[in-house]
């Protein structure tokens, strides 16, 4: 159990592990293009096999069509309309005009003339190796090869069917923006860039996955984010050596601090406004191509009880709702355990009338309180998962009807007491209050541990469990930042956005342990306080 109290899992060095891709000393020599067009096409066909979605369009360009060339693209990932209008038509017709032919004075000028004068596409790059060519080809770009030249051109032509910007389903709000991230990385970066007209917003690109070659963007504000945390994030991403990344959850598992803790140390969201607010606090966002969920680090415990609408409503409303979330967290974690402990070991704590009522309800129930709670909790978890996996049109209705029918039937059959059904129902409803699905799952896991401790040792077991839980939370780190900050270590200035949320004019500084430079949000918070006009 020593791992339970460790601050951070230390990775032991092992010489047998493969080195990071950016630190490899010896690598295979890159296969370069040849001057023969047919040789290059044949090499590409051998590497890609009989892939029917790879299109080879051989054409002739130049005056009287004396130069052989080939356009290669991936069907379904390439915008064939723009390829036809702005590339093929230009090369096969406009390029044969005399005014363009007179500009080619030397043989090696052909590539430059094509790139600078002929092809009317915004993004064009030179290419000399097969590895880079295949990566670009399978990403949706068009490859243009010419006979007699050992280099080609990458023509930007990515286009595929994708989901448009819509309202987030997992993180809904009453008041606030209705837009959410999509599966397109460039659309997501544009949604963040649209909120910042600041040149200090930096986006560093990386490619992770030997086979999937997934594009990743690390986003932060240069003069606000902690340079040490930015360096640590980039280092952990560079150390990933895996064949494929399919979702941001794969990245989260590979870069998180604690592997065995039930509590998440990397926050994820599909709301651009949440990412923008995190960047203004000095946090770092990690965007992964192919998923609408963006990772935010460092992620702290109290961050999982915050919702975007806390800052859009009046501060008093936001504070009450946030306190309600913390109360729901305590109920969801401890309610069944407290009921088991009191009814099993500490009946004297109950008023006589309530004790008599509970005794009457439990008359004829064959199971102890712990077994009752365990049966009801497992049944409700099954119903919850069934409601998620079933079609949405009937999923929620099925869960509600199933819980109501099973609970009523169990009470009438004398298997479960009515009070236990009430306690489990309140616990289940409280678990839905959490804005974060990851934190709700952690509470669901720990609830069974506290139930077992309560059934074994009563309130003493619950107390031991709470002490162990607090020690574990205080030992966690998220990219070097204490997980329980600003509560442990305690920081008075950061309490304005922890258990409650103060008005905007009171939030004059950023979180101290996250952003240690440019810490001031507004210079004079007193002057920002709203006040009625003086007569």
Protein backbone atom coordinates (compact mmCIF):
# COMPACT_ATOMS: atom_id res chain seq x y z
CA UNK A 1 0.00 0.00 0.00
CA UNK A 2 3.02 2.34 -0.16
CA UNK A 3 1.97 3.51 -3.61
CA UNK A 4 -1.22 4.91 -2.07
CA UNK A 5 0.69 7.72 -0.38
CA UNK A 6 3.27 8.49 -3.00
CA UNK A 7 3.33 11.99 -4.38
CA UNK A 8 4.17 10.83 -7.86
CA UNK A 9 4.88 7.55 -9.59
CA UNK A 10 8.54 7.53 -10.45
CA UNK A 11 9.39 5.82 -13.70
CA UNK A 12 12.45 3.61 -13.35
CA UNK A 13 14.95 3.81 -16.15
CA UNK A 14 15.24 0.64 -18.21
CA UNK A 15 17.72 0.25 -21.00
CA UNK A 16 15.45 -2.23 -22.77
CA UNK A 17 12.73 0.38 -23.29
CA UNK A 18 12.73 2.00 -26.74
CA UNK A 19 14.06 5.58 -26.69
CA UNK A 20 11.78 8.52 -27.48
CA UNK A 21 11.42 9.25 -31.15
CA UNK A 22 13.06 12.66 -30.80
CA UNK A 23 16.10 11.14 -29.03
CA UNK A 24 16.87 8.26 -31.39
CA UNK A 25 20.53 8.28 -32.33
CA UNK A 26 20.48 5.73 -35.11
CA UNK A 27 17.62 5.62 -37.57
CA UNK A 28 16.99 4.03 -40.92
CA UNK A 29 18.06 6.14 -43.90
CA UNK A 30 15.19 7.84 -45.64
CA UNK A 31 14.26 6.56 -49.08
CA UNK A 32 14.51 9.49 -51.48
CA UNK A 33 12.71 10.12 -54.73
CA UNK A 34 14.33 9.17 -58.03
CA UNK A 35 14.30 11.02 -61.31
CA UNK A 36 12.21 8.31 -62.97
CA UNK A 37 8.48 8.98 -62.60
CA UNK A 38 7.55 5.34 -63.20
CA UNK A 39 10.05 4.19 -60.57
CA UNK A 40 8.55 6.55 -57.98
CA UNK A 41 5.00 5.44 -58.78
CA UNK A 42 5.95 1.76 -58.65
CA UNK A 43 7.72 2.22 -55.30
CA UNK A 44 4.66 3.95 -53.89
CA UNK A 45 2.34 1.19 -55.15
CA UNK A 46 4.52 -1.47 -53.55
CA UNK A 47 4.44 0.37 -50.22
CA UNK A 48 0.66 0.97 -50.21
CA UNK A 49 -0.35 -2.37 -51.74
CA UNK A 50 -3.58 -2.72 -53.69
CA UNK A 51 -5.31 0.17 -51.93
CA UNK A 52 -8.29 1.10 -54.06
CA UNK A 53 -8.67 4.56 -52.49
CA UNK A 54 -5.26 5.76 -53.73
CA UNK A 55 -5.76 7.45 -57.10
CA UNK A 56 -2.90 7.85 -59.62
CA UNK A 57 -3.75 10.42 -62.31
CA UNK A 58 -1.03 10.57 -64.94
CA UNK A 59 -1.07 13.71 -67.07
CA UNK A 60 1.11 15.58 -69.56
CA UNK A 61 2.08 19.21 -69.05
CA UNK A 62 4.19 21.80 -70.81
CA UNK A 63 4.10 22.94 -74.40
CA UNK A 64 2.52 20.27 -76.59
CA UNK A 65 2.40 17.94 -73.56
CA UNK A 66 6.04 16.90 -73.64
CA UNK A 67 6.48 16.53 -69.85
CA UNK A 68 5.07 13.51 -68.02
CA UNK A 69 3.64 14.08 -64.56
CA UNK A 70 1.37 12.35 -62.06
CA UNK A 71 -1.12 13.57 -59.44
CA UNK A 72 -1.61 11.15 -56.53
CA UNK A 73 -4.33 11.60 -53.91
CA UNK A 74 -6.51 9.64 -51.47
CA UNK A 75 -10.14 9.36 -52.47
CA UNK A 76 -12.39 10.50 -49.61
CA UNK A 77 -9.74 12.63 -47.90
CA UNK A 78 -9.07 15.01 -50.80
CA UNK A 79 -11.16 17.87 -52.16
CA UNK A 80 -11.47 16.63 -55.73
CA UNK A 81 -13.43 19.71 -56.84
CA UNK A 82 -10.66 22.15 -55.97
CA UNK A 83 -8.10 19.67 -57.32
CA UNK A 84 -9.89 19.70 -60.67
CA UNK A 85 -10.46 23.46 -60.83
CA UNK A 86 -7.23 24.86 -59.40
CA UNK A 87 -4.61 22.19 -60.14
CA UNK A 88 -5.43 19.85 -63.02
CA UNK A 89 -7.07 22.45 -65.24
CA UNK A 90 -4.24 24.89 -64.61
CA UNK A 91 -1.53 22.33 -65.34
CA UNK A 92 -3.12 20.75 -68.40
CA UNK A 93 -4.38 23.92 -70.14
CA UNK A 94 -3.04 27.20 -68.75
CA UNK A 95 0.49 25.84 -68.43
CA UNK A 96 0.67 25.26 -72.21
CA UNK A 97 0.41 28.99 -72.96
CA UNK A 98 3.44 30.71 -74.48
CA UNK A 99 3.74 33.36 -71.75
CA UNK A 100 4.43 30.70 -69.12
CA UNK A 101 6.83 28.72 -71.33
CA UNK A 102 9.07 31.75 -71.90
CA UNK A 103 9.62 32.12 -68.15
CA UNK A 104 11.32 28.71 -67.91
CA UNK A 105 14.91 29.53 -68.81
CA UNK A 106 16.64 26.60 -67.11
CA UNK A 107 15.53 23.02 -66.61
CA UNK A 108 15.62 23.19 -62.82
CA UNK A 109 13.31 26.24 -62.83
CA UNK A 110 10.26 24.09 -63.66
CA UNK A 111 9.44 23.24 -60.03
CA UNK A 112 9.76 26.88 -58.98
CA UNK A 113 7.55 28.12 -61.83
CA UNK A 114 4.90 25.52 -61.02
CA UNK A 115 4.89 26.46 -57.35
CA UNK A 116 5.10 30.24 -57.73
CA UNK A 117 3.20 30.94 -60.95
CA UNK A 118 1.10 28.05 -62.20
CA UNK A 119 -0.60 26.21 -59.32
CA UNK A 120 -3.12 28.49 -57.62
CA UNK A 121 -3.26 26.78 -54.22
CA UNK A 122 -2.38 28.52 -50.98
CA UNK A 123 -0.18 25.87 -49.36
CA UNK A 124 2.49 24.11 -51.45
CA UNK A 125 5.64 22.43 -50.12
CA UNK A 126 8.59 20.62 -51.68
CA UNK A 127 9.12 16.93 -51.03
CA UNK A 128 12.13 14.67 -51.52
CA UNK A 129 11.50 11.52 -49.41
CA UNK A 130 8.95 8.72 -49.67
CA UNK A 131 8.24 8.77 -45.92
CA UNK A 132 7.11 12.38 -45.94
CA UNK A 133 5.23 11.83 -49.19
CA UNK A 134 3.20 8.90 -47.81
CA UNK A 135 2.39 10.76 -44.58
CA UNK A 136 1.06 13.74 -46.53
CA UNK A 137 -0.76 11.53 -49.03
CA UNK A 138 -2.58 9.57 -46.32
CA UNK A 139 -3.45 12.84 -44.56
CA UNK A 140 -5.45 14.06 -47.57
CA UNK A 141 -2.86 16.14 -49.45
CA UNK A 142 -2.17 15.72 -53.17
CA UNK A 143 1.29 14.62 -54.36
CA UNK A 144 2.57 16.02 -57.67
CA UNK A 145 5.51 14.19 -59.27
CA UNK A 146 7.29 15.11 -62.52
CA UNK A 147 9.36 12.83 -64.75
CA UNK A 148 13.03 13.75 -64.67
CA UNK A 149 12.97 15.38 -61.23
CA UNK A 150 14.00 13.86 -57.92
CA UNK A 151 11.64 16.11 -55.99
CA UNK A 152 7.91 16.69 -55.98
CA UNK A 153 5.26 18.97 -54.54
CA UNK A 154 2.76 18.54 -51.70
CA UNK A 155 -0.43 20.40 -52.60
CA UNK A 156 -2.74 21.09 -49.67
CA UNK A 157 -6.16 19.66 -50.53
CA UNK A 158 -7.48 18.06 -47.34
CA UNK A 159 -11.25 17.69 -47.22
CA UNK A 160 -13.56 15.08 -45.70
CA UNK A 161 -17.04 14.78 -44.27
CA UNK A 162 -17.08 15.85 -40.64
CA UNK A 163 -19.45 16.84 -37.85
CA UNK A 164 -20.16 20.54 -37.60
CA UNK A 165 -19.94 22.73 -34.52
CA UNK A 166 -22.80 21.87 -32.18
CA UNK A 167 -23.78 22.19 -28.53
CA UNK A 168 -21.77 20.01 -26.13
CA UNK A 169 -23.78 17.10 -24.78
CA UNK A 170 -21.65 16.11 -21.79
CA UNK A 171 -21.22 19.61 -20.31
CA UNK A 172 -24.47 21.51 -20.73
CA UNK A 173 -25.10 24.90 -19.14
CA UNK A 174 -28.16 27.07 -18.59
CA UNK A 175 -26.36 30.25 -19.54
CA UNK A 176 -23.28 30.46 -21.73
CA UNK A 177 -21.98 29.70 -25.24
CA UNK A 178 -23.60 26.79 -27.06
CA UNK A 179 -20.63 25.82 -29.23
CA UNK A 180 -18.49 22.77 -28.66
CA UNK A 181 -15.34 21.30 -30.12
CA UNK A 182 -15.45 18.95 -33.12
CA UNK A 183 -13.23 16.10 -34.32
CA UNK A 184 -11.22 18.44 -36.58
CA UNK A 185 -8.05 19.77 -34.96
CA UNK A 186 -7.84 22.89 -37.12
CA UNK A 187 -11.47 23.82 -36.41
CA UNK A 188 -10.78 23.45 -32.69
CA UNK A 189 -7.67 25.63 -32.77
CA UNK A 190 -9.61 28.25 -34.75
CA UNK A 191 -12.36 28.29 -32.09
CA UNK A 192 -9.73 29.01 -29.42
CA UNK A 193 -7.88 31.56 -31.57
CA UNK A 194 -11.15 33.39 -32.20
CA UNK A 195 -11.42 34.16 -28.48
CA UNK A 196 -7.89 35.59 -28.23
CA UNK A 197 -6.52 38.48 -30.27
CA UNK A 198 -3.18 38.07 -28.54
CA UNK A 199 0.09 37.12 -30.28
CA UNK A 200 1.23 35.47 -27.02
CA UNK A 201 -1.23 32.62 -27.60
CA UNK A 202 1.14 29.93 -28.85
CA UNK A 203 0.18 26.63 -30.48
CA UNK A 204 2.96 24.06 -30.79
CA UNK A 205 2.25 21.10 -33.06
CA UNK A 206 3.39 17.53 -32.54
CA UNK A 207 2.80 14.17 -34.20
CA UNK A 208 2.29 11.13 -31.94
CA UNK A 209 1.84 7.51 -33.01
CA UNK A 210 4.13 5.57 -35.29
CA UNK A 211 1.24 4.33 -37.43
CA UNK A 212 -1.63 6.75 -36.87
CA UNK A 213 0.65 9.84 -36.83
CA UNK A 214 -1.98 11.77 -34.90
CA UNK A 215 -1.62 15.55 -34.91
CA UNK A 216 -1.53 17.21 -31.49
CA UNK A 217 -1.51 20.91 -30.60
CA UNK A 218 -0.19 22.21 -27.26
CA UNK A 219 -1.82 25.60 -26.57
CA UNK A 220 -0.77 28.12 -23.91
CA UNK A 221 -0.31 31.85 -23.37
CA UNK A 222 3.39 32.55 -23.41
CA UNK A 223 3.64 35.33 -20.83
CA UNK A 224 1.16 33.70 -18.40
CA UNK A 225 1.83 29.94 -18.40
CA UNK A 226 4.59 28.56 -16.19
CA UNK A 227 7.58 27.73 -18.39
CA UNK A 228 8.50 24.71 -16.24
CA UNK A 229 5.03 23.20 -16.65
CA UNK A 230 5.09 23.86 -20.41
CA UNK A 231 8.47 22.16 -20.66
CA UNK A 232 7.22 19.19 -18.62
CA UNK A 233 4.14 18.80 -20.85
CA UNK A 234 6.24 18.84 -24.03
CA UNK A 235 8.73 16.40 -22.49
CA UNK A 236 6.03 13.89 -21.55
CA UNK A 237 4.51 14.11 -25.03
CA UNK A 238 7.92 13.55 -26.63
CA UNK A 239 8.46 10.45 -24.49
CA UNK A 240 5.33 8.76 -25.87
CA UNK A 241 6.38 5.90 -28.10
CA UNK A 242 3.29 4.01 -29.23
CA UNK A 243 1.87 2.75 -32.50
CA UNK A 244 -1.40 4.69 -32.39
CA UNK A 245 -3.39 7.43 -30.65
CA UNK A 246 -7.14 7.27 -31.30
CA UNK A 247 -8.52 9.64 -28.66
CA UNK A 248 -7.30 12.17 -26.10
CA UNK A 249 -7.92 9.55 -23.40
CA UNK A 250 -4.88 7.65 -24.75
CA UNK A 251 -2.75 10.75 -24.25
CA UNK A 252 -4.21 11.34 -20.78
CA UNK A 253 -3.28 7.85 -19.62
CA UNK A 254 0.27 8.22 -20.91
CA UNK A 255 1.07 11.62 -19.36
CA UNK A 256 -0.86 11.62 -16.07
CA UNK A 257 1.04 11.69 -12.78
CA UNK A 258 -0.65 8.91 -10.82
CA UNK A 259 -1.57 5.75 -12.69
CA UNK A 260 -3.38 3.92 -9.86
CA UNK A 261 -5.29 6.75 -8.22
CA UNK A 262 -9.07 6.78 -8.79
CA UNK A 263 -8.98 10.58 -9.01
CA UNK A 264 -8.26 12.19 -12.39
CA UNK A 265 -5.22 14.47 -12.63
CA UNK A 266 -5.89 15.62 -16.21
CA UNK A 267 -9.05 17.61 -16.90
CA UNK A 268 -10.98 17.21 -20.16
CA UNK A 269 -13.67 19.39 -21.68
CA UNK A 270 -15.45 19.92 -24.99
CA UNK A 271 -16.23 23.61 -24.37
CA UNK A 272 -14.01 26.32 -25.96
CA UNK A 273 -14.95 28.86 -23.26
CA UNK A 274 -13.68 26.51 -20.53
CA UNK A 275 -10.38 26.11 -22.38
CA UNK A 276 -10.11 29.88 -22.84
CA UNK A 277 -10.70 30.48 -19.12
CA UNK A 278 -8.09 27.83 -18.24
CA UNK A 279 -5.53 29.46 -20.55
CA UNK A 280 -6.11 32.82 -18.87
CA UNK A 281 -5.32 31.18 -15.53
CA UNK A 282 -2.00 29.89 -16.85
CA UNK A 283 -3.01 26.32 -17.66
CA UNK A 284 -2.05 24.41 -20.80
CA UNK A 285 -4.45 22.81 -23.28
CA UNK A 286 -3.68 19.70 -25.34
CA UNK A 287 -5.78 19.25 -28.48
CA UNK A 288 -5.83 15.89 -30.27
CA UNK A 289 -7.01 15.45 -33.83
CA UNK A 290 -10.04 13.17 -34.12
CA UNK A 291 -11.72 13.93 -30.78
CA UNK A 292 -13.77 16.85 -29.42
CA UNK A 293 -12.36 16.44 -25.90
CA UNK A 294 -9.48 18.77 -25.03
CA UNK A 295 -7.11 18.03 -22.14
CA UNK A 296 -6.23 20.74 -19.61
CA UNK A 297 -3.26 20.57 -17.22
CA UNK A 298 -2.55 21.07 -14.38
CA UNK A 299 -5.90 19.77 -13.09
CA UNK A 300 -6.72 20.27 -9.41
CA UNK A 301 -9.35 18.70 -7.16
CA UNK A 302 -11.60 21.76 -6.78
CA UNK A 303 -11.55 22.36 -10.53
CA UNK A 304 -13.82 19.34 -11.00
CA UNK A 305 -16.60 21.09 -9.03
CA UNK A 306 -16.52 24.19 -11.21
CA UNK A 307 -18.86 24.78 -14.11
CA UNK A 308 -18.68 27.42 -16.84
CA UNK A 309 -21.99 28.96 -15.82
CA UNK A 310 -20.61 29.74 -12.34
CA UNK A 311 -18.89 32.72 -13.94
CA UNK A 312 -21.79 33.75 -16.19
CA UNK A 313 -24.38 34.00 -13.41
CA UNK A 314 -24.22 36.43 -10.51
CA UNK A 315 -21.55 35.47 -8.00
CA UNK A 316 -24.01 34.76 -5.17
CA UNK A 317 -25.91 32.29 -7.36
CA UNK A 318 -22.70 30.66 -8.54
CA UNK A 319 -21.45 30.33 -4.95
CA UNK A 320 -24.66 28.66 -3.74
CA UNK A 321 -24.63 26.20 -6.65
CA UNK A 322 -20.98 25.38 -6.08
CA UNK A 323 -21.55 24.74 -2.37
CA UNK A 324 -24.44 22.49 -3.38
CA UNK A 325 -22.06 20.47 -5.56
CA UNK A 326 -19.68 19.94 -2.67
CA UNK A 327 -22.59 18.83 -0.48
CA UNK A 328 -23.76 16.42 -3.19
CA UNK A 329 -20.19 15.05 -3.38
CA UNK A 330 -20.24 14.28 0.36
CA UNK A 331 -23.71 12.70 0.14
CA UNK A 332 -22.75 10.57 -2.85
CA UNK A 333 -19.60 9.36 -1.11
CA UNK A 334 -20.80 8.79 2.46
CA UNK A 335 -24.61 8.46 2.61
CA UNK A 336 -24.87 4.64 2.24
CA UNK A 337 -21.85 4.12 4.53
CA UNK A 338 -23.29 6.34 7.26
CA UNK A 339 -26.65 4.57 7.06
CA UNK A 340 -24.97 1.15 7.33
CA UNK A 341 -22.77 2.24 10.25
CA UNK A 342 -25.59 3.82 12.25
CA UNK A 343 -28.14 1.06 11.72
CA UNK A 344 -25.59 -1.69 12.40
CA UNK A 345 -23.37 -0.36 15.23
CA UNK A 346 -24.68 2.98 16.49
CA UNK A 347 -28.46 2.65 16.85
CA UNK A 348 -28.35 4.80 20.00
CA UNK A 349 -27.58 7.85 17.85
CA UNK A 350 -31.06 7.71 16.30
CA UNK A 351 -34.18 9.22 17.90
CA UNK A 352 -36.46 6.51 19.39
CA UNK A 353 -39.30 7.21 16.94
CA UNK A 354 -37.00 6.90 13.92
CA UNK A 355 -35.36 3.80 15.38
CA UNK A 356 -38.73 2.11 15.86
CA UNK A 357 -39.74 3.02 12.31
CA UNK A 358 -36.55 1.56 10.85
CA UNK A 359 -36.91 -1.59 12.95
CA UNK A 360 -40.47 -2.04 11.67
CA UNK A 361 -39.32 -1.61 8.06
CA UNK A 362 -36.54 -4.15 8.48
CA UNK A 363 -38.84 -6.76 9.99
CA UNK A 364 -38.73 -9.72 7.69
CA UNK A 365 -35.77 -8.47 5.61
CA UNK A 366 -33.36 -11.43 5.34
CA UNK A 367 -30.19 -9.44 4.58
CA UNK A 368 -28.05 -7.16 6.73
CA UNK A 369 -27.85 -3.46 5.86
CA UNK A 370 -24.54 -3.84 4.01
CA UNK A 371 -25.92 -6.58 1.77
CA UNK A 372 -29.03 -4.47 1.09
CA UNK A 373 -26.96 -1.45 0.09
CA UNK A 374 -24.64 -3.57 -2.03
CA UNK A 375 -27.53 -5.16 -3.93
CA UNK A 376 -29.22 -1.82 -4.56
CA UNK A 377 -26.00 -0.01 -5.57
CA UNK A 378 -24.96 -2.73 -8.01
CA UNK A 379 -28.47 -2.84 -9.46
CA UNK A 380 -28.50 0.91 -9.94
CA UNK A 381 -25.04 0.87 -11.57
CA UNK A 382 -26.29 -1.76 -14.02
CA UNK A 383 -29.36 0.36 -14.81
CA UNK A 384 -27.17 3.43 -15.27
CA UNK A 385 -24.88 1.69 -17.74
CA UNK A 386 -27.84 0.18 -19.57
CA UNK A 387 -29.38 3.65 -19.92
CA UNK A 388 -26.15 5.00 -21.41
CA UNK A 389 -25.70 2.18 -23.94
CA UNK A 390 -29.33 1.96 -25.03
CA UNK A 391 -30.78 4.22 -27.75
CA UNK A 392 -31.23 7.74 -26.41
CA UNK A 393 -34.92 7.82 -27.20
CA UNK A 394 -35.64 5.07 -24.67
CA UNK A 395 -32.48 4.98 -22.54
CA UNK A 396 -33.42 7.56 -19.92
CA UNK A 397 -37.03 6.38 -19.70
CA UNK A 398 -35.87 2.78 -19.32
CA UNK A 399 -33.50 3.68 -16.48
CA UNK A 400 -36.17 5.59 -14.55
CA UNK A 401 -38.85 2.95 -15.05
CA UNK A 402 -36.42 0.14 -14.25
CA UNK A 403 -35.26 1.75 -11.01
CA UNK A 404 -38.83 2.54 -9.92
CA UNK A 405 -40.21 -0.92 -10.73
CA UNK A 406 -37.29 -2.83 -9.20
CA UNK A 407 -37.23 -0.67 -6.06
CA UNK A 408 -40.97 -0.96 -5.49
CA UNK A 409 -41.01 -4.70 -6.16
CA UNK A 410 -38.02 -5.29 -3.85
CA UNK A 411 -39.72 -3.43 -0.98
CA UNK A 412 -43.04 -5.23 -1.46
CA UNK A 413 -41.25 -8.58 -1.61
CA UNK A 414 -39.54 -7.86 1.70
CA UNK A 415 -36.03 -8.16 0.28
CA UNK A 416 -35.04 -4.49 0.71
CA UNK A 417 -36.24 -1.98 3.29
CA UNK A 418 -37.95 1.20 2.11
CA UNK A 419 -35.41 3.42 3.88
CA UNK A 420 -32.54 1.75 2.03
CA UNK A 421 -34.24 2.50 -1.29
CA UNK A 422 -34.55 6.15 -0.27
CA UNK A 423 -30.88 6.38 0.76
CA UNK A 424 -29.61 4.73 -2.43
CA UNK A 425 -31.88 6.95 -4.56
CA UNK A 426 -30.63 10.15 -2.90
CA UNK A 427 -27.07 8.92 -3.34
CA UNK A 428 -27.61 8.23 -7.04
CA UNK A 429 -29.22 11.62 -7.64
CA UNK A 430 -26.35 13.35 -5.83
CA UNK A 431 -23.79 11.61 -8.04
CA UNK A 432 -25.35 13.27 -11.11
CA UNK A 433 -24.74 16.76 -9.70
CA UNK A 434 -20.99 16.62 -10.41
CA UNK A 435 -20.06 18.56 -13.58
CA UNK A 436 -17.21 16.11 -14.25
CA UNK A 437 -17.92 12.52 -15.30
CA UNK A 438 -14.42 11.40 -14.22
CA UNK A 439 -14.88 12.69 -10.66
CA UNK A 440 -18.32 11.06 -10.47
CA UNK A 441 -16.79 7.70 -11.43
CA UNK A 442 -14.12 8.08 -8.73
CA UNK A 443 -16.84 8.70 -6.13
CA UNK A 444 -18.79 5.66 -7.33
CA UNK A 445 -15.70 3.49 -6.87
CA UNK A 446 -14.85 4.81 -3.40
CA UNK A 447 -18.45 4.53 -2.22
CA UNK A 448 -18.14 0.73 -2.07
CA UNK A 449 -14.90 1.01 -0.07
CA UNK A 450 -16.57 3.22 2.54
CA UNK A 451 -19.57 0.87 2.67
CA UNK A 452 -17.25 -2.05 3.46
CA UNK A 453 -15.43 -0.04 6.15
CA UNK A 454 -18.75 1.01 7.69
CA UNK A 455 -20.01 -2.59 7.76
CA UNK A 456 -16.77 -3.74 9.41
CA UNK A 457 -15.95 -0.99 11.92
CA UNK A 458 -18.87 1.44 11.91
CA UNK A 459 -18.13 5.15 12.19
CA UNK A 460 -14.55 4.35 13.19
CA UNK A 461 -14.04 2.66 9.82
CA UNK A 462 -15.48 5.67 8.00
CA UNK A 463 -13.14 7.96 9.95
CA UNK A 464 -10.12 5.82 9.04
CA UNK A 465 -11.22 5.85 5.40
CA UNK A 466 -11.60 9.64 5.38
CA UNK A 467 -8.12 10.09 6.89
CA UNK A 468 -6.61 7.79 4.27
CA UNK A 469 -8.53 9.60 1.52
CA UNK A 470 -7.32 13.03 2.64
CA UNK A 471 -3.73 11.80 2.88
CA UNK A 472 -3.96 10.33 -0.62
CA UNK A 473 -5.44 13.52 -2.09
CA UNK A 474 -2.75 15.65 -0.44
CA UNK A 475 -0.03 13.39 -1.85
CA UNK A 476 -1.20 13.71 -5.46
CA UNK A 477 0.41 16.09 -7.93
CA UNK A 478 -0.70 17.28 -11.34
CA UNK A 479 2.39 18.27 -13.33
CA UNK A 480 4.14 19.32 -10.13
CA UNK A 481 1.23 21.30 -8.68
CA UNK A 482 -0.34 19.99 -5.41
CA UNK A 483 -3.68 18.40 -6.22
CA UNK A 484 -5.52 19.96 -3.26
CA UNK A 485 -4.24 23.50 -3.76
CA UNK A 486 -5.19 26.18 -2.88
CA UNK A 487 -6.62 24.40 0.18
CA UNK A 488 -3.51 22.33 0.91
CA UNK A 489 -1.15 24.13 0.90
CA UNK A 490 -3.53 26.85 2.00
CA UNK A 491 -3.46 30.09 0.05
CA UNK A 492 -5.83 32.80 1.23
CA UNK A 493 -5.75 34.87 -1.96
CA UNK A 494 -6.86 31.90 -4.08
CA UNK A 495 -9.91 31.09 -1.91
CA UNK A 496 -11.94 33.53 -3.99
CA UNK A 497 -12.55 30.78 -6.56
CA UNK A 498 -12.51 27.55 -4.56
CA UNK A 499 -15.52 26.68 -2.41
CA UNK A 500 -17.32 29.83 -3.55
CA UNK A 501 -16.89 32.23 -6.44
CA UNK A 502 -16.43 35.93 -5.78
CA UNK A 503 -17.46 38.71 -8.18
CA UNK A 504 -15.26 39.43 -11.19
CA UNK A 505 -13.98 42.66 -9.73
CA UNK A 506 -12.62 40.72 -6.76
CA UNK A 507 -10.61 38.26 -8.88
CA UNK A 508 -7.62 40.50 -9.42
CA UNK A 509 -4.98 37.73 -9.42
CA UNK A 510 -4.45 34.35 -11.04
CA UNK A 511 -3.90 31.10 -9.09
CA UNK A 512 -0.46 31.47 -7.52
CA UNK A 513 0.80 27.89 -7.87
CA UNK A 514 -0.29 27.62 -11.52
CA UNK A 515 0.86 30.98 -12.91
CA UNK A 516 3.91 32.45 -11.19
CA UNK A 517 4.46 35.28 -13.65
CA UNK A 518 2.11 38.01 -14.83
CA UNK A 519 -0.04 37.11 -11.86
CA UNK A 520 -2.25 40.22 -11.93
CA UNK A 521 -5.49 40.09 -13.90
CA UNK A 522 -6.53 43.69 -13.28
CA UNK A 523 -4.49 46.41 -11.67
CA UNK A 524 -7.10 48.12 -9.51
CA UNK A 525 -9.89 45.83 -8.33
CA UNK A 526 -11.49 48.56 -6.20
CA UNK A 527 -12.10 50.79 -9.23
CA UNK A 528 -13.68 47.87 -11.06
CA UNK A 529 -16.36 47.48 -8.40
CA UNK A 530 -19.74 48.55 -9.81
CA UNK A 531 -21.43 51.40 -8.00
CA UNK A 532 -24.45 53.68 -8.66
CA UNK A 533 -23.70 57.06 -10.23
CA UNK A 534 -23.11 59.89 -7.83
CA UNK A 535 -25.58 62.76 -7.89
